[in-house]
Amino acid sequence: MAATTDLDRTDFAILRLLTKDAWLSNKQIAAAVGLAPSSCHERIKSLRARGVLLGAHADVNLEAIGFALEAVLFVQLGKLQAKVVDDFVGSTATIPEVRSVFLVSGRSDLIVDVVVRDMQHLKEIISTHFNRHDVVLRVETSMVFDSQRQHVMPPP
């Protein structure tokens, strides 16, 4: 990613606005940061080209579409060779029910956030992807009762 010294106050203002609401129009962003729409558009294009602005995603109410449960899996791996770990992390990230995969230090090697329809669905995910995989030693599961997500950008 580009160094923060390459970003000015206006770039950060644009990023903060898009982080809160990626559906803002270019015209709305331009007005909020005090730029002409064409200048704002060029700034946003530059942020994308430099790898600062990576994408925009919809925030979907998963419960409304049948995914009633969220769980966090704490996964301990047995083979810690880089390629084995990278391959497992990559394959885990492709599971549609997986929202996030974190390679971490500590007692667990991975923390995996999943959403599922019900307990049977969770059991299938764990059995199919984790328990049958040679690299996995142990999976500990915690159910999420409630969560709060932020859509803000920390200050520079």
Protein backbone atom coordinates (compact mmCIF):
# COMPACT_ATOMS: atom_id res chain seq x y z
CA MET A 1 0.00 0.00 0.00
CA ALA A 2 1.13 3.56 -0.62
CA ALA A 3 2.77 5.39 2.26
CA THR A 4 0.46 7.67 4.21
CA THR A 5 2.68 10.61 3.25
CA ASP A 6 1.29 10.19 -0.29
CA LEU A 7 -2.19 10.89 1.02
CA ASP A 8 -3.38 14.34 1.93
CA ARG A 9 -6.25 15.57 4.07
CA THR A 10 -8.68 15.44 1.14
CA ASP A 11 -7.76 11.83 0.34
CA PHE A 12 -8.43 10.86 3.95
CA ALA A 13 -11.75 12.73 3.89
CA ILE A 14 -12.80 10.81 0.75
CA LEU A 15 -11.78 7.50 2.35
CA ARG A 16 -13.71 8.28 5.53
CA LEU A 17 -16.85 9.07 3.54
CA LEU A 18 -16.59 5.92 1.42
CA THR A 19 -15.90 3.78 4.48
CA LYS A 20 -19.15 4.96 6.06
CA ASP A 21 -21.21 4.74 2.85
CA ALA A 22 -19.75 3.28 -0.33
CA TRP A 23 -22.95 4.15 -2.20
CA LEU A 24 -22.33 7.88 -2.06
CA SER A 25 -22.26 9.40 -5.52
CA ASN A 26 -19.17 11.14 -6.80
CA LYS A 27 -21.16 14.39 -6.72
CA GLN A 28 -22.01 13.91 -3.02
CA ILE A 29 -18.39 13.12 -2.13
CA ALA A 30 -17.10 16.09 -4.12
CA ALA A 31 -19.50 18.46 -2.33
CA ALA A 32 -18.56 17.06 1.09
CA VAL A 33 -14.80 17.49 0.55
CA GLY A 34 -14.96 20.74 -1.41
CA LEU A 35 -13.80 19.52 -4.81
CA ALA A 36 -15.19 19.72 -8.31
CA PRO A 37 -16.78 16.38 -9.30
CA SER A 38 -14.12 15.80 -11.99
CA SER A 39 -11.29 16.36 -9.49
CA CYS A 40 -12.98 14.09 -6.97
CA HIS A 41 -13.39 11.38 -9.60
CA GLU A 42 -9.67 11.59 -10.43
CA ARG A 43 -8.78 11.35 -6.72
CA ILE A 44 -10.90 8.22 -6.31
CA LYS A 45 -9.38 6.68 -9.45
CA SER A 46 -5.90 7.44 -8.07
CA LEU A 47 -6.74 5.88 -4.69
CA ARG A 48 -7.83 2.70 -6.51
CA ALA A 49 -4.80 2.66 -8.80
CA ARG A 50 -2.42 3.02 -5.84
CA GLY A 51 -4.06 0.13 -3.99
CA VAL A 52 -5.40 2.32 -1.18
CA LEU A 53 -9.08 1.89 -2.07
CA LEU A 54 -9.57 -1.85 -2.54
CA GLY A 55 -13.30 -2.19 -3.12
CA ALA A 56 -16.81 -1.63 -1.82
CA HIS A 57 -19.10 -4.23 -0.33
CA ALA A 58 -22.77 -4.40 0.59
CA ASP A 59 -23.66 -4.96 4.23
CA VAL A 60 -26.29 -7.72 4.04
CA ASN A 61 -28.61 -8.76 6.87
CA LEU A 62 -27.63 -12.43 6.77
CA GLU A 63 -30.36 -13.46 9.18
CA ALA A 64 -32.93 -12.12 6.71
CA ILE A 65 -31.66 -14.58 4.09
CA GLY A 66 -31.55 -17.61 6.35
CA PHE A 67 -28.15 -17.44 8.06
CA ALA A 68 -29.31 -17.24 11.66
CA LEU A 69 -26.11 -18.23 13.49
CA GLU A 70 -22.60 -16.83 13.60
CA ALA A 71 -19.67 -18.66 15.14
CA VAL A 72 -15.97 -18.08 15.67
CA LEU A 73 -13.71 -21.06 15.15
CA PHE A 74 -10.33 -21.21 16.86
CA VAL A 75 -8.21 -23.60 14.81
CA GLN A 76 -4.92 -25.14 15.88
CA LEU A 77 -2.76 -26.46 13.06
CA GLY A 78 -0.22 -29.26 13.28
CA LYS A 79 2.01 -28.58 10.26
CA LEU A 80 3.28 -25.04 10.34
CA GLN A 81 5.26 -25.05 7.09
CA ALA A 82 4.50 -21.83 5.24
CA LYS A 83 3.07 -23.43 2.08
CA VAL A 84 0.79 -25.80 4.03
CA VAL A 85 -0.52 -22.96 6.17
CA ASP A 86 -0.95 -20.60 3.20
CA ASP A 87 -2.80 -23.28 1.22
CA PHE A 88 -5.11 -24.05 4.14
CA VAL A 89 -5.82 -20.36 4.84
CA GLY A 90 -6.53 -19.81 1.14
CA SER A 91 -8.89 -22.77 0.86
CA THR A 92 -10.65 -21.76 4.09
CA ALA A 93 -11.22 -18.23 2.74
CA THR A 94 -13.06 -19.67 -0.28
CA ILE A 95 -15.76 -21.39 1.81
CA PRO A 96 -18.93 -19.33 1.16
CA GLU A 97 -19.94 -19.37 4.83
CA VAL A 98 -16.57 -17.96 5.94
CA ARG A 99 -16.64 -14.21 6.51
CA SER A 100 -13.06 -13.75 7.74
CA VAL A 101 -9.93 -15.80 8.30
CA PHE A 102 -7.17 -14.51 10.54
CA LEU A 103 -3.73 -16.12 10.82
CA VAL A 104 -2.75 -15.27 14.39
CA SER A 105 -0.19 -15.94 17.08
CA GLY A 106 -1.07 -17.58 20.37
CA ARG A 107 -2.83 -20.77 21.33
CA SER A 108 -4.75 -20.96 18.04
CA ASP A 109 -3.25 -20.50 14.61
CA LEU A 110 -6.41 -19.36 12.84
CA ILE A 111 -9.52 -17.53 13.87
CA VAL A 112 -12.36 -18.10 11.43
CA ASP A 113 -15.66 -16.20 11.46
CA VAL A 114 -18.50 -18.20 9.89
CA VAL A 115 -22.23 -17.72 9.33
CA VAL A 116 -24.54 -20.72 9.07
CA ARG A 117 -28.24 -21.56 8.83
CA ASP A 118 -28.32 -23.73 11.96
CA MET A 119 -26.25 -26.01 14.19
CA GLN A 120 -26.39 -28.87 11.66
CA HIS A 121 -24.95 -26.58 9.00
CA LEU A 122 -22.14 -25.54 11.39
CA LYS A 123 -21.40 -29.21 12.14
CA GLU A 124 -21.17 -29.93 8.39
CA ILE A 125 -18.76 -27.03 7.80
CA ILE A 126 -16.50 -28.10 10.67
CA SER A 127 -16.64 -31.79 9.75
CA THR A 128 -16.11 -31.28 6.02
CA HIS A 129 -13.45 -28.60 5.95
CA PHE A 130 -11.68 -28.73 9.28
CA ASN A 131 -11.93 -32.10 11.03
CA ARG A 132 -11.12 -34.09 7.89
CA HIS A 133 -8.09 -32.00 7.00
CA ASP A 134 -4.69 -33.46 7.97
CA VAL A 135 -3.22 -30.11 9.01
CA VAL A 136 -5.92 -29.42 11.63
CA LEU A 137 -5.22 -30.61 15.18
CA ARG A 138 -8.14 -29.00 17.01
CA VAL A 139 -11.15 -26.76 16.42
CA GLU A 140 -12.76 -24.87 19.27
CA THR A 141 -16.08 -23.21 18.49
CA SER A 142 -17.67 -20.18 20.14
CA MET A 143 -21.16 -19.05 19.21
CA VAL A 144 -21.64 -15.32 18.67
CA PHE A 145 -24.59 -13.97 20.63
CA ASP A 146 -24.24 -10.39 19.42
CA SER A 147 -21.73 -8.34 17.48
CA GLN A 148 -21.03 -4.73 16.66
CA ARG A 149 -19.18 -3.82 13.49
CA GLN A 150 -17.62 -0.50 12.70
CA HIS A 151 -17.50 1.03 9.28
CA VAL A 152 -15.08 3.81 10.09
CA MET A 153 -11.51 4.55 9.22
CA PRO A 154 -9.04 5.33 11.99
CA PRO A 155 -7.43 8.78 11.82
CA PRO A 156 -4.10 9.09 10.02
